Amino acid sequence: MPWRVELGSDAERALHRLRGDEVQRMKRAIDALEADPRRAGKAVKAIQGKRDRFLRFRVRDRRILYEIDDDRKVVIVEAIVHRRDLDRWLNSRR
């Protein structure tokens, strides 16, 4: 059974701001999360903060930050940020 993906407001806003083929690249990456949110390899890493625990999916210069709800089989995409803005976004969540 595939996972269901929900986009948070930050992620939706970021997706609408992307241009050209970046939008298609992000949509393909989000679709890949439906199939397997805990992919093996270098592209997915866990990020632990004071309150939250996120997984980070690397897609070129952007990072998709998401949480997994195993009980409901839902992947919640919290944000799509440029790699240079990742620390700033994480600090705003702590």
Protein backbone atom coordinates (compact mmCIF):
# COMPACT_ATOMS: atom_id res chain seq x y z
CA MET A 1 0.00 0.00 0.00
CA PRO A 2 1.56 3.31 -1.04
CA TRP A 3 1.96 6.18 1.35
CA ARG A 4 -0.16 9.30 1.13
CA VAL A 5 1.72 12.62 0.89
CA GLU A 6 0.38 15.82 2.46
CA LEU A 7 1.97 19.19 1.78
CA GLY A 8 2.25 21.73 4.57
CA SER A 9 1.64 25.41 3.87
CA ASP A 10 5.39 26.21 3.69
CA ALA A 11 5.91 23.39 1.19
CA GLU A 12 2.98 24.45 -0.99
CA ARG A 13 4.18 28.05 -1.04
CA ALA A 14 7.72 26.98 -1.96
CA LEU A 15 6.46 24.66 -4.70
CA HIS A 16 4.46 27.50 -6.30
CA ARG A 17 7.54 29.75 -6.25
CA LEU A 18 9.73 27.33 -8.20
CA ARG A 19 10.35 27.91 -11.89
CA GLY A 20 10.44 25.73 -14.98
CA ASP A 21 11.77 22.23 -14.68
CA GLU A 22 12.39 22.61 -10.92
CA VAL A 23 8.66 22.19 -10.35
CA GLN A 24 8.57 18.92 -12.29
CA ARG A 25 11.70 17.69 -10.50
CA MET A 26 10.15 18.38 -7.08
CA LYS A 27 6.85 16.75 -8.04
CA ARG A 28 8.70 13.61 -9.18
CA ALA A 29 10.63 13.57 -5.90
CA ILE A 30 7.42 13.97 -3.88
CA ASP A 31 5.83 11.15 -5.90
CA ALA A 32 8.86 9.00 -5.07
CA LEU A 33 8.13 9.59 -1.37
CA GLU A 34 4.73 7.95 -1.88
CA ALA A 35 6.44 4.75 -2.94
CA ASP A 36 9.19 4.68 -0.30
CA PRO A 37 9.64 7.53 2.22
CA ARG A 38 12.64 5.82 3.86
CA ARG A 39 14.78 5.37 0.77
CA ALA A 40 18.21 3.89 1.16
CA GLY A 41 21.22 5.88 0.05
CA LYS A 42 22.73 9.31 0.44
CA ALA A 43 19.71 11.33 -0.69
CA VAL A 44 17.73 10.83 2.53
CA LYS A 45 19.07 11.68 5.98
CA ALA A 46 17.52 12.13 9.40
CA ILE A 47 17.67 15.55 11.05
CA GLN A 48 16.99 15.68 14.78
CA GLY A 49 16.10 18.89 16.50
CA LYS A 50 15.02 19.82 19.98
CA ARG A 51 11.33 19.22 19.32
CA ASP A 52 10.98 17.75 15.86
CA ARG A 53 12.53 14.95 13.90
CA PHE A 54 12.64 15.37 10.14
CA LEU A 55 13.92 13.45 7.22
CA ARG A 56 15.70 15.42 4.56
CA PHE A 57 15.48 14.40 0.91
CA ARG A 58 18.15 16.00 -1.28
CA VAL A 59 17.05 17.04 -4.77
CA ARG A 60 19.88 18.98 -6.43
CA ASP A 61 20.18 22.33 -4.56
CA ARG A 62 16.85 21.93 -2.75
CA ARG A 63 15.91 19.92 0.32
CA ILE A 64 12.51 18.40 1.00
CA LEU A 65 11.92 18.23 4.77
CA TYR A 66 9.27 15.79 5.86
CA GLU A 67 7.93 13.71 8.71
CA ILE A 68 6.44 10.22 8.60
CA ASP A 69 3.30 9.15 10.45
CA ASP A 70 3.55 5.36 10.41
CA ASP A 71 0.15 4.81 12.02
CA ARG A 72 -1.74 6.66 9.29
CA LYS A 73 0.77 5.84 6.48
CA VAL A 74 1.17 9.55 5.75
CA VAL A 75 4.23 11.53 4.69
CA ILE A 76 3.92 15.17 5.76
CA VAL A 77 6.11 17.46 3.66
CA GLU A 78 6.86 20.44 5.90
CA ALA A 79 9.09 22.50 3.62
CA ILE A 80 11.07 22.71 0.41
CA VAL A 81 14.12 24.90 0.99
CA HIS A 82 17.31 25.77 -0.81
CA ARG A 83 20.33 24.15 0.77
CA ARG A 84 21.76 27.51 1.88
CA ASP A 85 18.53 28.24 3.81
CA LEU A 86 18.28 24.86 5.54
CA ASP A 87 19.90 25.92 8.83
CA ARG A 88 17.79 29.08 9.00
CA TRP A 89 14.60 27.09 8.47
CA LEU A 90 15.56 24.50 11.07
CA ASN A 91 16.44 27.20 13.61
CA SER A 92 13.06 28.84 13.06
CA ARG A 93 11.41 25.52 14.01
CA ARG A 94 13.35 25.04 17.26
